[in-house]
C-alpha atoms as a PDB file:
ATOM      1  CA  MET A   1       1.955 -32.584   7.716  1.00  0.00           C
ATOM      2  CA  ARG A   2       0.007 -30.055   9.764  1.00  0.00           C
ATOM      3  CA  THR A   3       3.221 -28.143  10.484  1.00  0.00           C
ATOM      4  CA  ALA A   4       3.927 -27.882   6.768  1.00  0.00           C
ATOM      5  CA  VAL A   5       0.413 -26.609   6.147  1.00  0.00           C
ATOM      6  CA  VAL A   6       0.768 -23.944   8.833  1.00  0.00           C
ATOM      7  CA  LEU A   7       4.061 -22.788   7.334  1.00  0.00           C
ATOM      8  CA  LEU A   8       2.502 -22.667   3.880  1.00  0.00           C
ATOM      9  CA  LEU A   9      -0.407 -20.619   5.183  1.00  0.00           C
ATOM     10  CA  ALA A  10       1.915 -18.182   6.987  1.00  0.00           C
ATOM     11  CA  ALA A  11       3.956 -17.684   3.821  1.00  0.00           C
ATOM     12  CA  ALA A  12       0.817 -17.061   1.802  1.00  0.00           C
ATOM     13  CA  ILE A  13      -0.407 -14.460   4.284  1.00  0.00           C
ATOM     14  CA  GLY A  14       2.962 -12.730   4.069  1.00  0.00           C
ATOM     15  CA  LEU A  15       2.689 -12.570   0.287  1.00  0.00           C
ATOM     16  CA  ALA A  16      -0.867 -11.283   0.505  1.00  0.00           C
ATOM     17  CA  ILE A  17       0.060  -8.332   2.733  1.00  0.00           C
ATOM     18  CA  PRO A  18       0.667  -5.340   0.461  1.00  0.00           C
ATOM     19  CA  SER A  19       3.981  -3.499   0.590  1.00  0.00           C
ATOM     20  CA  PRO A  20       5.360  -0.585  -1.432  1.00  0.00           C
ATOM     21  CA  ALA A  21       7.333  -2.952  -3.678  1.00  0.00           C
ATOM     22  CA  ARG A  22       4.508  -5.470  -4.246  1.00  0.00           C
ATOM     23  CA  ALA A  23       1.891  -2.797  -4.839  1.00  0.00           C
ATOM     24  CA  GLY A  24       3.831  -1.189  -7.659  1.00  0.00           C
ATOM     25  CA  GLY A  25       5.336   1.392  -5.294  1.00  0.00           C
ATOM     26  CA  TRP A  26       8.289   3.467  -6.446  1.00  0.00           C
ATOM     27  CA  ALA A  27       9.757   6.801  -5.534  1.00  0.00           C
ATOM     28  CA  THR A  28      12.143   9.428  -6.836  1.00  0.00           C
ATOM     29  CA  THR A  29      14.394  11.962  -5.142  1.00  0.00           C
ATOM     30  CA  LEU A  30      14.258  15.572  -6.324  1.00  0.00           C
ATOM     31  CA  LEU A  31      16.900  18.040  -5.195  1.00  0.00           C
ATOM     32  CA  ASP A  32      16.450  21.638  -4.146  1.00  0.00           C
ATOM     33  CA  PRO A  33      18.543  24.186  -6.090  1.00  0.00           C
ATOM     34  CA  LEU A  34      22.248  23.469  -5.717  1.00  0.00           C
ATOM     35  CA  PRO A  35      25.423  25.541  -5.922  1.00  0.00           C
ATOM     36  CA  ALA A  36      26.684  25.948  -9.473  1.00  0.00           C
ATOM     37  CA  ARG A  37      30.019  24.487  -8.424  1.00  0.00           C
ATOM     38  CA  PHE A  38      31.184  21.972  -5.823  1.00  0.00           C
ATOM     39  CA  GLU A  39      34.680  22.013  -4.330  1.00  0.00           C
ATOM     40  CA  PRO A  40      36.443  19.237  -2.401  1.00  0.00           C
ATOM     41  CA  GLY A  41      36.576  19.428   1.383  1.00  0.00           C
ATOM     42  CA  ILE A  42      33.702  21.929   1.708  1.00  0.00           C
ATOM     43  CA  THR A  43      30.476  21.043   3.521  1.00  0.00           C
ATOM     44  CA  TYR A  44      27.259  21.648   1.605  1.00  0.00           C
ATOM     45  CA  THR A  45      23.712  21.425   2.938  1.00  0.00           C
ATOM     46  CA  VAL A  46      21.551  19.761   0.292  1.00  0.00           C
ATOM     47  CA  GLY A  47      17.760  19.756   0.455  1.00  0.00           C
ATOM     48  CA  TYR A  48      15.879  16.924  -1.215  1.00  0.00           C
ATOM     49  CA  TRP A  49      12.364  15.517  -1.570  1.00  0.00           C
ATOM     50  CA  VAL A  50      11.432  11.827  -1.506  1.00  0.00           C
ATOM     51  CA  LEU A  51       8.243  11.533  -3.561  1.00  0.00           C
ATOM     52  CA  GLN A  52       6.249   8.369  -4.153  1.00  0.00           C
ATOM     53  CA  HIS A  53       5.474   7.974  -7.862  1.00  0.00           C
ATOM     54  CA  GLY A  54       7.506  11.144  -8.355  1.00  0.00           C
ATOM     55  CA  SER A  55       4.646  13.406  -7.294  1.00  0.00           C
ATOM     56  CA  HIS A  56       3.612  13.115  -3.624  1.00  0.00           C
ATOM     57  CA  PRO A  57       4.906  12.156  -0.159  1.00  0.00           C
ATOM     58  CA  TYR A  58       4.438   8.587   1.047  1.00  0.00           C
ATOM     59  CA  SER A  59       1.371   8.267   3.283  1.00  0.00           C
ATOM     60  CA  GLY A  60       2.931   5.621   5.551  1.00  0.00           C
ATOM     61  CA  VAL A  61       6.101   5.600   7.644  1.00  0.00           C
ATOM     62  CA  LEU A  62       8.891   6.243   5.161  1.00  0.00           C
ATOM     63  CA  GLY A  63      11.804   5.381   7.430  1.00  0.00           C
ATOM     64  CA  THR A  64      15.436   6.466   7.143  1.00  0.00           C
ATOM     65  CA  THR A  65      16.523   8.658   4.241  1.00  0.00           C
ATOM     66  CA  ALA A  66      20.026   9.746   3.274  1.00  0.00           C
ATOM     67  CA  LEU A  67      22.217  11.044   0.486  1.00  0.00           C
ATOM     68  CA  ARG A  68      25.007   8.712  -0.587  1.00  0.00           C
ATOM     69  CA  LEU A  69      28.245   9.576  -2.383  1.00  0.00           C
ATOM     70  CA  THR A  70      30.344   6.942  -4.172  1.00  0.00           C
ATOM     71  CA  ASP A  71      33.739   7.904  -5.566  1.00  0.00           C
ATOM     72  CA  ASP A  72      35.691   6.482  -8.509  1.00  0.00           C
ATOM     73  CA  ALA A  73      37.258   3.815  -6.291  1.00  0.00           C
ATOM     74  CA  GLY A  74      33.872   2.610  -5.008  1.00  0.00           C
ATOM     75  CA  LYS A  75      34.252   4.138  -1.560  1.00  0.00           C
ATOM     76  CA  VAL A  76      30.846   5.108  -0.148  1.00  0.00           C
ATOM     77  CA  ALA A  77      29.994   7.960   2.195  1.00  0.00           C
ATOM     78  CA  SER A  78      26.425   8.168   3.505  1.00  0.00           C
ATOM     79  CA  TYR A  79      24.916  11.334   5.004  1.00  0.00           C
ATOM     80  CA  PRO A  80      21.608  10.892   6.889  1.00  0.00           C
ATOM     81  CA  GLY A  81      18.740  13.213   6.111  1.00  0.00           C
ATOM     82  CA  LYS A  82      17.022  15.436   8.651  1.00  0.00           C
ATOM     83  CA  ALA A  83      13.263  15.816   8.232  1.00  0.00           C
ATOM     84  CA  LEU A  84      12.150  19.355   7.437  1.00  0.00           C
ATOM     85  CA  PRO A  85       8.677  20.788   8.205  1.00  0.00           C
ATOM     86  CA  GLU A  86       7.295  19.980   4.747  1.00  0.00           C
ATOM     87  CA  ALA A  87       6.037  16.471   3.991  1.00  0.00           C
ATOM     88  CA  GLY A  88       8.666  14.415   2.199  1.00  0.00           C
ATOM     89  CA  HIS A  89      11.315  17.142   2.560  1.00  0.00           C
ATOM     90  CA  TYR A  90      14.764  16.451   4.034  1.00  0.00           C
ATOM     91  CA  ALA A  91      18.209  18.017   4.262  1.00  0.00           C
ATOM     92  CA  ALA A  92      21.643  16.447   4.585  1.00  0.00           C
ATOM     93  CA  ALA A  93      25.100  17.951   5.072  1.00  0.00           C
ATOM     94  CA  VAL A  94      27.493  16.388   2.548  1.00  0.00           C
ATOM     95  CA  VAL A  95      31.170  16.807   1.749  1.00  0.00           C
ATOM     96  CA  PHE A  96      33.205  15.587  -1.222  1.00  0.00           C
ATOM     97  CA  GLY A  97      36.416  14.254   0.264  1.00  0.00           C
ATOM     98  CA  HIS A  98      38.551  14.757  -2.834  1.00  0.00           C
ATOM     99  CA  SER A  99      38.465  15.820  -6.455  1.00  0.00           C
ATOM    100  CA  GLY A 100      37.049  13.432  -9.011  1.00  0.00           C
ATOM    101  CA  THR A 101      33.704  12.073 -10.202  1.00  0.00           C
ATOM    102  CA  TRP A 102      31.184  11.080  -7.569  1.00  0.00           C
ATOM    103  CA  ARG A 103      27.955   9.124  -8.026  1.00  0.00           C
ATOM    104  CA  LEU A 104      25.120  10.729  -6.063  1.00  0.00           C
ATOM    105  CA  SER A 105      22.264   8.488  -4.933  1.00  0.00           C
ATOM    106  CA  SER A 106      19.647   8.500  -2.195  1.00  0.00           C
ATOM    107  CA  VAL A 107      18.313   6.131   0.443  1.00  0.00           C
ATOM    108  CA  GLN A 108      14.502   6.322   0.317  1.00  0.00           C
ATOM    109  CA  GLY A 109      13.301   4.463   3.402  1.00  0.00           C
ATOM    110  CA  VAL A 110      10.891   1.681   2.439  1.00  0.00           C
ATOM    111  CA  PHE A 111      11.533   2.335  -1.248  1.00  0.00           C
ATOM    112  CA  ALA A 112      14.515   1.262  -3.312  1.00  0.00           C
ATOM    113  CA  ASP A 113      17.607   3.458  -3.471  1.00  0.00           C
ATOM    114  CA  TYR A 114      17.525   6.044  -6.226  1.00  0.00           C
ATOM    115  CA  GLU A 115      20.333   7.111  -8.580  1.00  0.00           C
ATOM    116  CA  ILE A 116      20.297  10.906  -8.834  1.00  0.00           C
ATOM    117  CA  GLY A 117      23.330  11.642 -11.014  1.00  0.00           C
ATOM    118  CA  GLU A 118      27.062  12.278 -11.163  1.00  0.00           C
ATOM    119  CA  VAL A 119      29.008  15.157  -9.628  1.00  0.00           C
ATOM    120  CA  VAL A 120      32.354  16.284 -11.009  1.00  0.00           C
ATOM    121  CA  VAL A 121      34.454  17.881  -8.249  1.00  0.00           C
ATOM    122  CA  PRO A 122      35.411  20.602  -8.759  1.00  0.00           C
ATOM    123  CA  GLY A 123      32.355  21.175 -10.924  1.00  0.00           C
ATOM    124  CA  GLY A 124      28.641  20.541 -10.972  1.00  0.00           C
ATOM    125  CA  LEU A 125      25.953  17.856 -10.974  1.00  0.00           C
ATOM    126  CA  THR A 126      24.629  16.061 -14.033  1.00  0.00           C
ATOM    127  CA  VAL A 127      21.160  14.699 -13.175  1.00  0.00           C
ATOM    128  CA  ARG A 128      20.037  11.407 -14.671  1.00  0.00           C
ATOM    129  CA  PRO A 129      16.683  11.263 -16.478  1.00  0.00           C
ATOM    130  CA  THR A 130      13.797  10.814 -14.033  1.00  0.00           C
ATOM    131  CA  PRO A 131      10.746   8.573 -14.522  1.00  0.00           C
ATOM    132  CA  THR A 132       7.543  10.250 -15.638  1.00  0.00           C
ATOM    133  CA  PRO A 133       5.631  11.110 -12.445  1.00  0.00           C
ATOM    134  CA  MET A 134       2.096   9.899 -11.861  1.00  0.00           C
ATOM    135  CA  VAL A 135      -0.202  12.917 -11.706  1.00  0.00           C
ATOM    136  CA  TRP A 136      -1.947  12.801  -8.359  1.00  0.00           C
ATOM    137  CA  ASN A 137      -5.076  14.703  -7.335  1.00  0.00           C
ATOM    138  CA  GLN A 138      -5.352  15.476  -3.622  1.00  0.00           C
ATOM    139  CA  GLY A 139      -8.813  17.008  -3.858  1.00  0.00           C
ATOM    140  CA  GLU A 140      -9.135  20.159  -1.772  1.00  0.00           C
ATOM    141  CA  GLU A 141      -5.904  19.843   0.201  1.00  0.00           C
ATOM    142  CA  ASP A 142      -2.264  20.322  -0.614  1.00  0.00           C
ATOM    143  CA  HIS A 143       0.757  18.992   1.267  1.00  0.00           C
ATOM    144  CA  TRP A 144       2.879  22.035   0.484  1.00  0.00           C
ATOM    145  CA  GLY A 145       2.612  25.769   0.780  1.00  0.00           C
ATOM    146  CA  VAL A 146       5.188  28.242  -0.496  1.00  0.00           C
ATOM    147  CA  VAL A 147       7.973  25.710   0.080  1.00  0.00           C
ATOM    148  CA  ARG A 148       7.386  22.889  -2.393  1.00  0.00           C
ATOM    149  CA  PRO A 149       9.345  20.392  -4.485  1.00  0.00           C
ATOM    150  CA  PRO A 150      10.535  21.333  -7.989  1.00  0.00           C
ATOM    151  CA  LEU A 151       7.681  19.524  -9.749  1.00  0.00           C
ATOM    152  CA  ALA A 152       6.534  20.239 -13.283  1.00  0.00           C
ATOM    153  CA  ALA A 153       3.246  22.134 -13.442  1.00  0.00           C
ATOM    154  CA  ASP A 154       1.311  19.139 -14.785  1.00  0.00           C
ATOM    155  CA  ALA A 155       2.547  16.927 -11.937  1.00  0.00           C
ATOM    156  CA  LYS A 156       1.506  19.216  -9.101  1.00  0.00           C
ATOM    157  CA  PRO A 157      -1.536  18.210  -7.028  1.00  0.00           C
ATOM    158  CA  ALA A 158      -4.771  19.959  -7.945  1.00  0.00           C
ATOM    159  CA  ARG A 159      -6.198  22.458  -5.470  1.00  0.00           C
ATOM    160  CA  ASN A 160      -9.778  23.742  -5.528  1.00  0.00           C
ATOM    161  CA  THR A 161     -10.582  27.287  -4.478  1.00  0.00           C
ATOM    162  CA  ALA A 162     -13.287  27.900  -1.872  1.00  0.00           C
ATOM    163  CA  GLY A 163     -16.756  27.557  -3.359  1.00  0.00           C
ATOM    164  CA  ALA A 164     -15.496  26.342  -6.707  1.00  0.00           C
ATOM    165  CA  THR A 165     -16.792  23.217  -8.359  1.00  0.00           C
ATOM    166  CA  PRO A 166     -14.247  20.416  -7.881  1.00  0.00           C
ATOM    167  CA  SER A 167     -12.439  19.460 -11.038  1.00  0.00           C
ATOM    168  CA  PRO A 168     -12.635  15.846 -12.215  1.00  0.00           C
ATOM    169  CA  PRO A 169      -9.619  13.691 -11.339  1.00  0.00           C
ATOM    170  CA  PRO A 170      -6.861  14.074 -13.946  1.00  0.00           C
ATOM    171  CA  THR A 171      -5.763  11.264 -16.187  1.00  0.00           C
ATOM    172  CA  ILE A 172      -2.978   9.308 -14.562  1.00  0.00           C
ATOM    173  CA  ALA A 173       0.283   9.234 -16.454  1.00  0.00           C
ATOM    174  CA  VAL A 174       1.759   5.864 -15.568  1.00  0.00           C
ATOM    175  CA  GLY A 175       5.460   5.830 -14.793  1.00  0.00           C
ATOM    176  CA  ALA A 176       7.878   2.924 -14.601  1.00  0.00           C
ATOM    177  CA  GLY A 177       6.877   0.347 -12.029  1.00  0.00           C
ATOM    178  CA  SER A 178       3.344   1.640 -11.483  1.00  0.00           C
ATOM    179  CA  SER A 179       0.188  -0.386 -11.838  1.00  0.00           C
ATOM    180  CA  GLY A 180      -1.860   2.214 -13.724  1.00  0.00           C
ATOM    181  CA  GLY A 181      -4.931   1.959 -11.489  1.00  0.00           C
ATOM    182  CA  GLY A 182      -7.215  -0.802 -10.267  1.00  0.00           C
ATOM    183  CA  PHE A 183      -5.850  -3.604  -8.170  1.00  0.00           C
ATOM    184  CA  ALA A 184      -2.090  -3.823  -8.083  1.00  0.00           C
ATOM    185  CA  PRO A 185      -0.709  -7.070  -9.573  1.00  0.00           C
ATOM    186  CA  GLY A 186       1.064  -7.875  -6.315  1.00  0.00           C
ATOM    187  CA  VAL A 187      -2.212  -7.668  -4.388  1.00  0.00           C
ATOM    188  CA  LEU A 188      -3.986  -9.958  -6.860  1.00  0.00           C
ATOM    189  CA  ILE A 189      -1.147 -12.491  -6.788  1.00  0.00           C
ATOM    190  CA  GLY A 190      -0.999 -12.385  -2.985  1.00  0.00           C
ATOM    191  CA  GLY A 191      -4.761 -12.932  -2.757  1.00  0.00           C
ATOM    192  CA  GLY A 192      -4.553 -15.885  -5.134  1.00  0.00           C
ATOM    193  CA  VAL A 193      -1.744 -17.497  -3.149  1.00  0.00           C
ATOM    194  CA  LEU A 194      -3.695 -17.012   0.068  1.00  0.00           C
ATOM    195  CA  ALA A 195      -6.801 -18.600  -1.457  1.00  0.00           C
ATOM    196  CA  VAL A 196      -4.806 -21.631  -2.654  1.00  0.00           C
ATOM    197  CA  ALA A 197      -3.236 -22.043   0.794  1.00  0.00           C
ATOM    198  CA  ILE A 198      -6.625 -21.929   2.520  1.00  0.00           C
ATOM    199  CA  LEU A 199      -7.977 -24.482   0.055  1.00  0.00           C
ATOM    200  CA  GLY A 200      -5.016 -26.730   0.808  1.00  0.00           C
ATOM    201  CA  VAL A 201      -5.696 -26.515   4.531  1.00  0.00           C
ATOM    202  CA  LEU A 202      -9.332 -27.426   4.014  1.00  0.00           C
ATOM    203  CA  LEU A 203      -8.438 -30.389   1.822  1.00  0.00           C
ATOM    204  CA  LEU A 204      -5.937 -31.724   4.361  1.00  0.00           C
ATOM    205  CA  TRP A 205      -7.937 -31.133   7.538  1.00  0.00           C
ATOM    206  CA  TRP A 206     -11.527 -31.553   6.334  1.00  0.00           C
ATOM    207  CA  PRO A 207     -12.819 -35.160   6.300  1.00  0.00           C
ATOM    208  CA  THR A 208     -13.024 -36.693   2.855  1.00  0.00           C
ATOM    209  CA  PRO A 209     -16.467 -37.389   1.340  1.00  0.00           C
ATOM    210  CA  ARG A 210     -15.911 -41.141   1.787  1.00  0.00           C
ATOM    211  CA  LEU A 211     -15.165 -40.709   5.498  1.00  0.00           C
ATOM    212  CA  ARG A 212     -18.216 -38.529   5.989  1.00  0.00           C
ATOM    213  CA  LEU A 213     -20.364 -41.160   4.218  1.00  0.00           C
ATOM    214  CA  THR A 214     -18.968 -43.919   6.460  1.00  0.00           C
ATOM    215  CA  GLN A 215     -19.702 -41.881   9.582  1.00  0.00           C
ATOM    216  CA  PHE A 216     -23.236 -41.217   8.360  1.00  0.00           C
ATOM    217  CA  VAL A 217     -23.859 -44.954   7.729  1.00  0.00           C
ATOM    218  CA  ARG A 218     -22.551 -45.865  11.223  1.00  0.00           C
ATOM    219  CA  ARG A 219     -24.770 -43.313  12.898  1.00  0.00           C
ATOM    220  CA  SER A 220     -27.769 -44.614  10.925  1.00  0.00           C
ATOM    221  CA  ARG A 221     -27.124 -48.199  12.040  1.00  0.00           C
ATOM    222  CA  ARG A 222     -26.836 -47.143  15.690  1.00  0.00           C
ATOM    223  CA  ALA A 223     -30.125 -45.340  15.422  1.00  0.00           C
END
């Protein structure tokens, strides 16, 4: 019985620990400008940005990123990304092995893979619609300088000039999979599971009221 309780408690703690997926975390991949036309058998260096909530680099350890090509027959070729100096910025050398339609996707470390679009070879890329980014205010700092991701103006982090009065935080535009502020649902659920597990441990290991009453009566008689 005690072993089962320990296992239950360990599982509850695991659920209570926040992760990008449980905390409403999601990310998108934005590409740097590409050639107007791709040809088979030619190597292209493609720059891309992995942005949490579509607007900023992940503050933790992102992990491995890559660009992935899948042809009409389902054959997959994966090209690992090399980190560039800018936060969240990577580059990968890719090659389309033959003519045809290729599905372009990305590996985003701790986040789920992301479908970027389809490439007709020879030809160009058709980008799939992207989720609405969450506008994110960094306060007085900015992750990027001149080199920055191709974000829309309303999704770029705010920057205050020296001596200026800080602007109030912008309204957050909630994208797919985001929690919209406050406690993330995954955190609340994990905390509830942990509380139930702790209560179960107390109920199983703590003496029952009847047993405590019996022990009290015995001690009174001895006295």
